[in-house]
C-alpha atoms as a PDB file:
ATOM      1  CA  MET A   1      -0.004   0.021   0.051  1.00  0.00           C
ATOM      2  CA  LYS A   2       1.901   2.857  -1.442  1.00  0.00           C
ATOM      3  CA  LEU A   3       0.159   5.633   0.819  1.00  0.00           C
ATOM      4  CA  LEU A   4       1.193   3.650   4.175  1.00  0.00           C
ATOM      5  CA  GLU A   5       4.862   3.141   2.627  1.00  0.00           C
ATOM      6  CA  GLU A   6       4.965   6.680   2.171  1.00  0.00           C
ATOM      7  CA  ARG A   7       3.840   7.699   5.468  1.00  0.00           C
ATOM      8  CA  ILE A   8       6.120   5.060   7.342  1.00  0.00           C
ATOM      9  CA  LEU A   9       9.068   6.875   5.385  1.00  0.00           C
ATOM     10  CA  LYS A  10       7.900  10.242   6.428  1.00  0.00           C
ATOM     11  CA  ASP A  11       6.981   9.408   9.986  1.00  0.00           C
ATOM     12  CA  GLY A  12       8.638   6.079  11.109  1.00  0.00           C
ATOM     13  CA  HIS A  13      11.620   5.837  13.118  1.00  0.00           C
ATOM     14  CA  VAL A  14      13.764   3.146  13.253  1.00  0.00           C
ATOM     15  CA  LEU A  15      14.981   2.152  16.612  1.00  0.00           C
ATOM     16  CA  GLY A  16      18.026  -0.159  17.136  1.00  0.00           C
ATOM     17  CA  GLU A  17      18.082  -3.241  14.961  1.00  0.00           C
ATOM     18  CA  ASN A  18      14.250  -4.394  14.627  1.00  0.00           C
ATOM     19  CA  ILE A  19      11.891  -1.570  16.200  1.00  0.00           C
ATOM     20  CA  LEU A  20       9.958   0.618  14.026  1.00  0.00           C
ATOM     21  CA  LYS A  21       8.159   3.498  16.040  1.00  0.00           C
ATOM     22  CA  VAL A  22       5.088   4.685  14.457  1.00  0.00           C
ATOM     23  CA  ASP A  23       3.449   6.361  17.294  1.00  0.00           C
ATOM     24  CA  SER A  24       2.704   9.660  15.449  1.00  0.00           C
ATOM     25  CA  PHE A  25      -0.112   7.777  13.187  1.00  0.00           C
ATOM     26  CA  LEU A  26      -0.758   4.043  14.301  1.00  0.00           C
ATOM     27  CA  THR A  27       0.269   2.962  17.718  1.00  0.00           C
ATOM     28  CA  HIS A  28      -0.133   6.309  20.010  1.00  0.00           C
ATOM     29  CA  GLN A  29      -1.674   8.959  17.872  1.00  0.00           C
ATOM     30  CA  VAL A  30      -4.197   7.373  15.260  1.00  0.00           C
ATOM     31  CA  ASP A  31      -4.469   8.998  11.719  1.00  0.00           C
ATOM     32  CA  ALA A  32      -8.385   8.264  11.300  1.00  0.00           C
ATOM     33  CA  ASN A  33      -7.979   9.068   7.364  1.00  0.00           C
ATOM     34  CA  LEU A  34      -4.771   6.681   6.993  1.00  0.00           C
ATOM     35  CA  MET A  35      -6.832   3.680   9.022  1.00  0.00           C
ATOM     36  CA  ARG A  36      -9.991   4.322   6.996  1.00  0.00           C
ATOM     37  CA  GLU A  37      -7.909   3.906   3.713  1.00  0.00           C
ATOM     38  CA  ILE A  38      -6.230   0.827   5.410  1.00  0.00           C
ATOM     39  CA  GLY A  39      -9.675  -0.609   6.419  1.00  0.00           C
ATOM     40  CA  LYS A  40     -10.686  -0.044   2.813  1.00  0.00           C
ATOM     41  CA  ALA A  41      -7.664  -1.980   1.499  1.00  0.00           C
ATOM     42  CA  PHE A  42      -8.245  -4.948   3.370  1.00  0.00           C
ATOM     43  CA  ALA A  43     -12.129  -4.670   3.018  1.00  0.00           C
ATOM     44  CA  THR A  44     -11.109  -4.991  -0.854  1.00  0.00           C
ATOM     45  CA  TYR A  45      -8.799  -7.758  -0.671  1.00  0.00           C
ATOM     46  CA  PHE A  46     -11.421  -9.890   1.318  1.00  0.00           C
ATOM     47  CA  LYS A  47     -14.629  -8.692   0.332  1.00  0.00           C
ATOM     48  CA  THR A  48     -15.631 -12.499  -1.288  1.00  0.00           C
ATOM     49  CA  THR A  49     -14.331 -14.465   1.598  1.00  0.00           C
ATOM     50  CA  GLY A  50     -17.618 -14.251   3.747  1.00  0.00           C
ATOM     51  CA  ILE A  51     -15.826 -12.734   6.715  1.00  0.00           C
ATOM     52  CA  THR A  52     -18.409 -12.348   9.414  1.00  0.00           C
ATOM     53  CA  LYS A  53     -16.085 -11.013  12.380  1.00  0.00           C
ATOM     54  CA  VAL A  54     -12.891  -8.983  12.319  1.00  0.00           C
ATOM     55  CA  VAL A  55     -10.792  -9.832  15.715  1.00  0.00           C
ATOM     56  CA  THR A  56      -7.733  -8.091  17.075  1.00  0.00           C
ATOM     57  CA  ILE A  57      -5.715  -7.640  20.129  1.00  0.00           C
ATOM     58  CA  GLU A  58      -5.698  -4.332  22.157  1.00  0.00           C
ATOM     59  CA  ALA A  59      -4.524  -1.583  21.941  1.00  0.00           C
ATOM     60  CA  SER A  60      -2.841  -0.824  18.600  1.00  0.00           C
ATOM     61  CA  GLY A  61      -4.907  -3.189  16.681  1.00  0.00           C
ATOM     62  CA  ILE A  62      -8.127  -1.686  17.283  1.00  0.00           C
ATOM     63  CA  ALA A  63      -7.800   1.358  15.049  1.00  0.00           C
ATOM     64  CA  PRO A  64      -6.966  -0.419  11.827  1.00  0.00           C
ATOM     65  CA  ALA A  65      -9.492  -3.352  12.601  1.00  0.00           C
ATOM     66  CA  ILE A  66     -12.639  -1.129  13.171  1.00  0.00           C
ATOM     67  CA  TYR A  67     -12.005   0.487  10.062  1.00  0.00           C
ATOM     68  CA  THR A  68     -11.867  -2.828   8.252  1.00  0.00           C
ATOM     69  CA  ALA A  69     -14.950  -4.137  10.072  1.00  0.00           C
ATOM     70  CA  GLU A  70     -16.979  -1.003   9.208  1.00  0.00           C
ATOM     71  CA  ALA A  71     -15.558  -1.167   5.302  1.00  0.00           C
ATOM     72  CA  LEU A  72     -16.556  -5.027   5.569  1.00  0.00           C
ATOM     73  CA  GLU A  73     -19.848  -4.284   7.358  1.00  0.00           C
ATOM     74  CA  VAL A  74     -19.268  -6.850  10.253  1.00  0.00           C
ATOM     75  CA  PRO A  75     -18.551  -6.562  13.899  1.00  0.00           C
ATOM     76  CA  MET A  76     -15.329  -6.175  15.339  1.00  0.00           C
ATOM     77  CA  VAL A  77     -13.940  -8.088  18.553  1.00  0.00           C
ATOM     78  CA  PHE A  78     -10.993  -7.119  20.413  1.00  0.00           C
ATOM     79  CA  ALA A  79      -9.082  -9.236  22.766  1.00  0.00           C
ATOM     80  CA  LYS A  80      -8.403  -7.702  26.379  1.00  0.00           C
ATOM     81  CA  LYS A  81      -5.032  -8.120  27.784  1.00  0.00           C
ATOM     82  CA  SER A  82      -6.411  -8.257  31.146  1.00  0.00           C
ATOM     83  CA  LYS A  83      -9.472  -9.321  32.610  1.00  0.00           C
ATOM     84  CA  ASN A  84     -11.948  -6.918  34.434  1.00  0.00           C
ATOM     85  CA  ILE A  85     -14.624  -7.828  36.733  1.00  0.00           C
ATOM     86  CA  THR A  86     -17.269  -7.914  34.395  1.00  0.00           C
ATOM     87  CA  MET A  87     -15.794 -10.801  32.518  1.00  0.00           C
ATOM     88  CA  THR A  88     -17.249 -13.465  34.311  1.00  0.00           C
ATOM     89  CA  GLU A  89     -18.054 -16.452  32.200  1.00  0.00           C
ATOM     90  CA  GLY A  90     -17.554 -17.994  29.130  1.00  0.00           C
ATOM     91  CA  ILE A  91     -14.088 -16.266  28.852  1.00  0.00           C
ATOM     92  CA  LEU A  92     -11.565 -17.777  26.129  1.00  0.00           C
ATOM     93  CA  THR A  93      -7.858 -17.210  26.686  1.00  0.00           C
ATOM     94  CA  ALA A  94      -4.335 -17.328  25.360  1.00  0.00           C
ATOM     95  CA  GLU A  95      -0.845 -16.669  26.380  1.00  0.00           C
ATOM     96  CA  VAL A  96       0.873 -14.229  24.127  1.00  0.00           C
ATOM     97  CA  TYR A  97       4.398 -12.736  24.483  1.00  0.00           C
ATOM     98  CA  SER A  98       4.779  -9.122  23.164  1.00  0.00           C
ATOM     99  CA  PHE A  99       7.866  -8.470  21.237  1.00  0.00           C
ATOM    100  CA  THR A 100       7.930  -4.607  21.832  1.00  0.00           C
ATOM    101  CA  LYS A 101       6.914  -4.773  25.321  1.00  0.00           C
ATOM    102  CA  GLN A 102       9.321  -8.084  26.216  1.00  0.00           C
ATOM    103  CA  VAL A 103       6.386  -9.547  28.484  1.00  0.00           C
ATOM    104  CA  THR A 104       3.870 -12.207  28.505  1.00  0.00           C
ATOM    105  CA  SER A 105      -0.308 -11.317  28.824  1.00  0.00           C
ATOM    106  CA  THR A 106      -3.040 -13.341  29.319  1.00  0.00           C
ATOM    107  CA  ILE A 107      -5.561 -12.134  26.315  1.00  0.00           C
ATOM    108  CA  SER A 108      -9.168 -13.075  26.716  1.00  0.00           C
ATOM    109  CA  ILE A 109     -12.551 -12.736  24.662  1.00  0.00           C
ATOM    110  CA  ALA A 110     -15.998 -13.343  25.990  1.00  0.00           C
ATOM    111  CA  GLY A 111     -16.940 -16.476  24.198  1.00  0.00           C
ATOM    112  CA  LYS A 112     -20.351 -15.213  23.413  1.00  0.00           C
ATOM    113  CA  PHE A 113     -18.760 -13.020  20.875  1.00  0.00           C
ATOM    114  CA  LEU A 114     -17.418 -15.874  18.423  1.00  0.00           C
ATOM    115  CA  ASN A 115     -19.538 -18.955  17.425  1.00  0.00           C
ATOM    116  CA  ARG A 116     -19.243 -22.003  15.184  1.00  0.00           C
ATOM    117  CA  GLN A 117     -20.509 -20.181  11.933  1.00  0.00           C
ATOM    118  CA  ASP A 118     -17.865 -17.155  12.173  1.00  0.00           C
ATOM    119  CA  LYS A 119     -15.340 -16.825   9.385  1.00  0.00           C
ATOM    120  CA  VAL A 120     -12.724 -14.436  11.272  1.00  0.00           C
ATOM    121  CA  LEU A 121     -10.383 -12.035   9.792  1.00  0.00           C
ATOM    122  CA  ILE A 122      -7.536 -11.063  12.242  1.00  0.00           C
ATOM    123  CA  ILE A 123      -6.248  -7.829  11.945  1.00  0.00           C
ATOM    124  CA  ASP A 124      -2.941  -6.416  14.099  1.00  0.00           C
ATOM    125  CA  ASP A 125      -0.777  -3.598  13.639  1.00  0.00           C
ATOM    126  CA  PHE A 126       2.553  -5.543  13.470  1.00  0.00           C
ATOM    127  CA  LEU A 127       3.691  -8.915  12.509  1.00  0.00           C
ATOM    128  CA  ALA A 128       7.199  -9.488  13.838  1.00  0.00           C
ATOM    129  CA  ASN A 129       6.976 -12.959  16.027  1.00  0.00           C
ATOM    130  CA  GLY A 130       3.753 -14.055  15.335  1.00  0.00           C
ATOM    131  CA  LYS A 131       2.795 -14.657  18.880  1.00  0.00           C
ATOM    132  CA  ALA A 132      -0.005 -12.238  18.981  1.00  0.00           C
ATOM    133  CA  ALA A 133      -1.645 -13.745  15.887  1.00  0.00           C
ATOM    134  CA  LYS A 134      -1.053 -17.209  17.530  1.00  0.00           C
ATOM    135  CA  GLY A 135      -2.746 -16.297  20.611  1.00  0.00           C
ATOM    136  CA  LEU A 136      -5.543 -15.175  18.643  1.00  0.00           C
ATOM    137  CA  ILE A 137      -5.842 -18.245  16.509  1.00  0.00           C
ATOM    138  CA  GLU A 138      -6.013 -20.346  19.664  1.00  0.00           C
ATOM    139  CA  ILE A 139      -8.856 -18.118  21.153  1.00  0.00           C
ATOM    140  CA  ILE A 140     -11.146 -18.275  17.985  1.00  0.00           C
ATOM    141  CA  GLU A 141     -10.432 -22.021  17.642  1.00  0.00           C
ATOM    142  CA  GLN A 142     -11.521 -22.444  21.611  1.00  0.00           C
ATOM    143  CA  SER A 143     -14.837 -20.790  20.288  1.00  0.00           C
ATOM    144  CA  GLY A 144     -15.320 -23.393  17.211  1.00  0.00           C
ATOM    145  CA  ALA A 145     -14.774 -20.367  14.536  1.00  0.00           C
ATOM    146  CA  SER A 146     -12.687 -20.679  11.613  1.00  0.00           C
ATOM    147  CA  VAL A 147      -9.972 -18.301  10.943  1.00  0.00           C
ATOM    148  CA  GLU A 148     -10.125 -17.478   7.430  1.00  0.00           C
ATOM    149  CA  ALA A 149      -6.642 -15.156   7.252  1.00  0.00           C
ATOM    150  CA  ILE A 150      -4.421 -12.727   9.303  1.00  0.00           C
ATOM    151  CA  GLY A 151      -4.404  -8.953   8.067  1.00  0.00           C
ATOM    152  CA  ILE A 152      -1.254  -7.117   8.902  1.00  0.00           C
ATOM    153  CA  VAL A 153      -0.688  -3.501   8.546  1.00  0.00           C
ATOM    154  CA  ILE A 154       3.194  -3.452   8.874  1.00  0.00           C
ATOM    155  CA  GLU A 155       5.073  -6.654   8.595  1.00  0.00           C
ATOM    156  CA  LYS A 156       8.940  -7.053   9.588  1.00  0.00           C
ATOM    157  CA  SER A 157       9.507  -9.852   7.097  1.00  0.00           C
ATOM    158  CA  PHE A 158      13.090 -10.259   8.419  1.00  0.00           C
ATOM    159  CA  GLN A 159      11.644 -11.801  11.753  1.00  0.00           C
ATOM    160  CA  GLU A 160       9.702 -15.279  11.636  1.00  0.00           C
ATOM    161  CA  GLY A 161       6.159 -14.507  12.148  1.00  0.00           C
ATOM    162  CA  ARG A 162       5.000 -14.944   8.708  1.00  0.00           C
ATOM    163  CA  LYS A 163       7.032 -18.169   8.546  1.00  0.00           C
ATOM    164  CA  LEU A 164       5.548 -19.447  11.656  1.00  0.00           C
ATOM    165  CA  LEU A 165       2.039 -18.613  10.559  1.00  0.00           C
ATOM    166  CA  GLU A 166       2.578 -20.176   6.926  1.00  0.00           C
ATOM    167  CA  GLU A 167       4.070 -23.303   8.375  1.00  0.00           C
ATOM    168  CA  ASP A 168       0.708 -23.637  10.355  1.00  0.00           C
ATOM    169  CA  LYS A 169      -1.248 -23.104   6.945  1.00  0.00           C
ATOM    170  CA  ARG A 170      -2.500 -19.418   7.896  1.00  0.00           C
ATOM    171  CA  LYS A 171      -3.049 -17.034   4.723  1.00  0.00           C
ATOM    172  CA  VAL A 172      -1.162 -13.830   5.882  1.00  0.00           C
ATOM    173  CA  VAL A 173      -2.000 -10.604   3.798  1.00  0.00           C
ATOM    174  CA  SER A 174       0.374  -7.555   4.738  1.00  0.00           C
ATOM    175  CA  LEU A 175       0.218  -4.128   3.338  1.00  0.00           C
ATOM    176  CA  THR A 176       3.479  -3.183   3.798  1.00  0.00           C
ATOM    177  CA  ARG A 177       6.380  -5.714   4.040  1.00  0.00           C
ATOM    178  CA  ILE A 178       9.778  -4.513   5.392  1.00  0.00           C
ATOM    179  CA  GLN A 179      12.699  -6.416   4.193  1.00  0.00           C
ATOM    180  CA  LYS A 180      15.353  -5.025   6.289  1.00  0.00           C
ATOM    181  CA  PHE A 181      16.537  -1.996   8.394  1.00  0.00           C
ATOM    182  CA  GLU A 182      19.769  -0.725   6.928  1.00  0.00           C
ATOM    183  CA  ASN A 183      21.771   2.206   8.315  1.00  0.00           C
ATOM    184  CA  ARG A 184      18.436   3.154  10.280  1.00  0.00           C
ATOM    185  CA  LYS A 185      16.475   3.310   6.677  1.00  0.00           C
ATOM    186  CA  ILE A 186      13.739   1.375   5.651  1.00  0.00           C
ATOM    187  CA  VAL A 187      13.791  -1.258   2.771  1.00  0.00           C
ATOM    188  CA  PHE A 188      10.255  -2.438   1.705  1.00  0.00           C
ATOM    189  CA  MET A 189       9.525  -5.603  -0.066  1.00  0.00           C
ATOM    190  CA  GLU A 190       6.539  -6.449  -2.465  1.00  0.00           C
ATOM    191  CA  ALA A 191       3.437  -6.419  -0.137  1.00  0.00           C
ATOM    192  CA  ASP A 192       0.593  -8.739  -0.434  1.00  0.00           C
ATOM    193  CA  ALA A 193      -2.575  -6.350  -0.992  1.00  0.00           C
END
């Protein structure tokens, strides 16, 4: 997605060898217009697949997921990273390691929001090591729903996430794919959508 690549080059900051900071438009402050275009791009790609739910993990996945759900005209469900007192029954959980935060969290979704008839599209902001997507897949499968594909806004293709998911026979569609960081510069490769 050319618009997204341009924004990453303009406002993204490479930190160290494998971190990309995009907090001015995706992971802290959200550019709603850009997120709407991201949602439309995913919806265009998945419009004929019969998606019934879009699922993500809080917090940075929510913006692209909600715009994707809006464009597909389906509900969006997000996994919570901490269980609150109102989540009392039918809770589906999985353990997820966060690459950027370097912590493991128990994520959860109330089971009533997913069922065996659901065809789910997972949307996430980044794909690095694939652990967030794997945790969401685990929860979705606990519900009996099927995971149709995983949509990624920014994929760091030099990390193992895509390989891990494809070895598990998962369809991964990324709007941007970063081949490498070279001297604090971003080198893109061809994206999926």
